[in-house]
Amino acid sequence: MADLFPENPGAKGLTAATFATSADAADAITSSRERLARIAIRTLALLGEAAPFEVVAASGVKGCALQPRMSECIAEGLMEPTGERRRNPDTGKTAAVLTLTDLARERLSREAHHG
């Protein structure tokens, strides 16, 4: 399943057992993947620019569900790094600040006109 990323959640594991666990988790999220990606895109649109931890905080969705969707959005060309980094106050680590691409803005515009 990993070769289908970003259209489908991926799985990885070093052994058959850990791969199976990861694959099960990927299968479980597949049904809500599109909804979560839309939440990430809409939240980032509201914020303008934000690090993933800021998108998570503003959305109210758990990071373990939303952050992988942002990685998928980057791979799909819907989000991109600005070049800036921000320090996560919880972990002390820095994260890339993201913004929407023109493709994502076009999709949001179409959604607004169709729904």
Protein backbone atom coordinates (compact mmCIF):
# COMPACT_ATOMS: atom_id res chain seq x y z
CA MET A 1 0.00 0.00 0.00
CA ALA A 2 2.94 2.37 0.60
CA ASP A 3 3.42 2.84 -3.15
CA LEU A 4 -0.06 4.38 -3.45
CA PHE A 5 0.82 7.39 -1.26
CA PRO A 6 -0.44 10.11 -1.24
CA GLU A 7 -3.77 9.03 -2.72
CA ASN A 8 -4.08 6.37 -0.01
CA PRO A 9 -2.64 6.35 3.48
CA GLY A 10 0.64 4.48 3.56
CA ALA A 11 2.03 1.79 5.79
CA LYS A 12 5.54 0.92 6.83
CA GLY A 13 7.11 -1.60 9.11
CA LEU A 14 10.38 -3.42 9.55
CA THR A 15 8.84 -6.83 10.13
CA ALA A 16 5.73 -8.59 8.86
CA ALA A 17 4.05 -8.01 12.22
CA THR A 18 4.81 -4.27 12.39
CA PHE A 19 3.87 -3.81 8.73
CA ALA A 20 0.52 -5.56 9.35
CA THR A 21 -0.20 -3.24 12.27
CA SER A 22 0.70 -0.20 10.19
CA ALA A 23 -1.37 -1.47 7.25
CA ASP A 24 -4.37 -1.98 9.54
CA ALA A 25 -4.07 1.61 10.76
CA ALA A 26 -3.83 2.89 7.18
CA ASP A 27 -6.93 0.92 6.21
CA ALA A 28 -8.83 2.28 9.22
CA ILE A 29 -8.14 5.92 8.29
CA THR A 30 -8.94 5.52 4.58
CA SER A 31 -12.65 6.19 5.01
CA SER A 32 -12.05 9.52 6.77
CA ARG A 33 -8.95 10.56 4.80
CA GLU A 34 -10.74 12.97 2.45
CA ARG A 35 -12.70 14.60 5.27
CA LEU A 36 -9.55 15.07 7.36
CA ALA A 37 -7.63 16.47 4.38
CA ARG A 38 -10.44 18.99 3.80
CA ILE A 39 -10.28 20.00 7.47
CA ALA A 40 -6.52 20.51 7.20
CA ILE A 41 -6.86 22.55 3.99
CA ARG A 42 -9.71 24.70 5.31
CA THR A 43 -7.94 25.33 8.60
CA LEU A 44 -4.73 26.33 6.85
CA ALA A 45 -6.76 28.61 4.57
CA LEU A 46 -8.16 30.37 7.64
CA LEU A 47 -4.71 30.71 9.22
CA GLY A 48 -2.94 31.73 6.00
CA GLU A 49 0.39 30.23 7.03
CA ALA A 50 0.97 27.80 9.88
CA ALA A 51 3.12 24.99 11.15
CA PRO A 52 1.36 21.62 11.31
CA PHE A 53 1.07 21.79 15.11
CA GLU A 54 -0.74 25.12 14.72
CA VAL A 55 -3.15 23.65 12.17
CA VAL A 56 -3.83 20.77 14.56
CA ALA A 57 -4.48 23.15 17.47
CA ALA A 58 -6.80 25.38 15.43
CA SER A 59 -8.73 22.45 13.94
CA GLY A 60 -9.43 20.60 17.17
CA VAL A 61 -8.55 17.30 15.47
CA LYS A 62 -5.95 15.03 17.04
CA GLY A 63 -2.49 15.42 15.57
CA CYS A 64 -2.09 11.70 14.95
CA ALA A 65 -5.05 11.89 12.54
CA LEU A 66 -4.39 15.28 10.94
CA GLN A 67 -0.62 15.55 10.55
CA PRO A 68 -0.34 12.60 8.12
CA ARG A 69 -3.08 14.20 6.01
CA MET A 70 -0.95 17.34 5.77
CA SER A 71 1.98 15.23 4.54
CA GLU A 72 -0.35 13.77 1.92
CA CYS A 73 -1.51 17.27 0.95
CA ILE A 74 2.12 18.33 0.47
CA ALA A 75 2.76 15.27 -1.71
CA GLU A 76 -0.38 16.07 -3.73
CA GLY A 77 0.76 19.67 -4.30
CA LEU A 78 -1.97 21.22 -2.14
CA MET A 79 0.32 22.58 0.59
CA GLU A 80 3.92 23.75 0.47
CA PRO A 81 6.54 24.98 2.92
CA THR A 82 7.12 28.74 3.03
CA GLY A 83 10.76 28.35 4.05
CA GLU A 84 10.02 29.59 7.57
CA ARG A 85 10.19 27.33 10.64
CA ARG A 86 8.47 27.69 14.00
CA ARG A 87 9.27 26.11 17.34
CA ASN A 88 6.60 23.84 18.77
CA PRO A 89 6.15 24.96 22.39
CA ASP A 90 5.22 21.42 23.46
CA THR A 91 8.21 19.60 21.98
CA GLY A 92 10.81 22.32 21.47
CA LYS A 93 11.37 21.05 17.93
CA THR A 94 10.93 23.25 14.88
CA ALA A 95 8.46 22.59 12.12
CA ALA A 96 8.10 23.96 8.62
CA VAL A 97 5.48 26.63 8.14
CA LEU A 98 3.01 25.66 5.42
CA THR A 99 0.80 27.57 3.05
CA LEU A 100 -1.77 26.49 0.49
CA THR A 101 -0.80 26.21 -3.14
CA ASP A 102 -2.79 27.74 -5.98
CA LEU A 103 -4.20 24.26 -6.66
CA ALA A 104 -5.65 24.05 -3.15
CA ARG A 105 -7.06 27.56 -3.39
CA GLU A 106 -8.72 26.65 -6.70
CA ARG A 107 -10.30 23.57 -5.09
CA LEU A 108 -11.59 25.66 -2.19
CA SER A 109 -13.05 28.15 -4.61
CA ARG A 110 -14.80 25.40 -6.60
CA GLU A 111 -16.18 23.89 -3.36
CA ALA A 112 -17.52 27.29 -2.30
CA HIS A 113 -19.33 27.68 -5.62
CA HIS A 114 -20.68 24.11 -5.68
CA GLY A 115 -21.60 23.43 -2.16
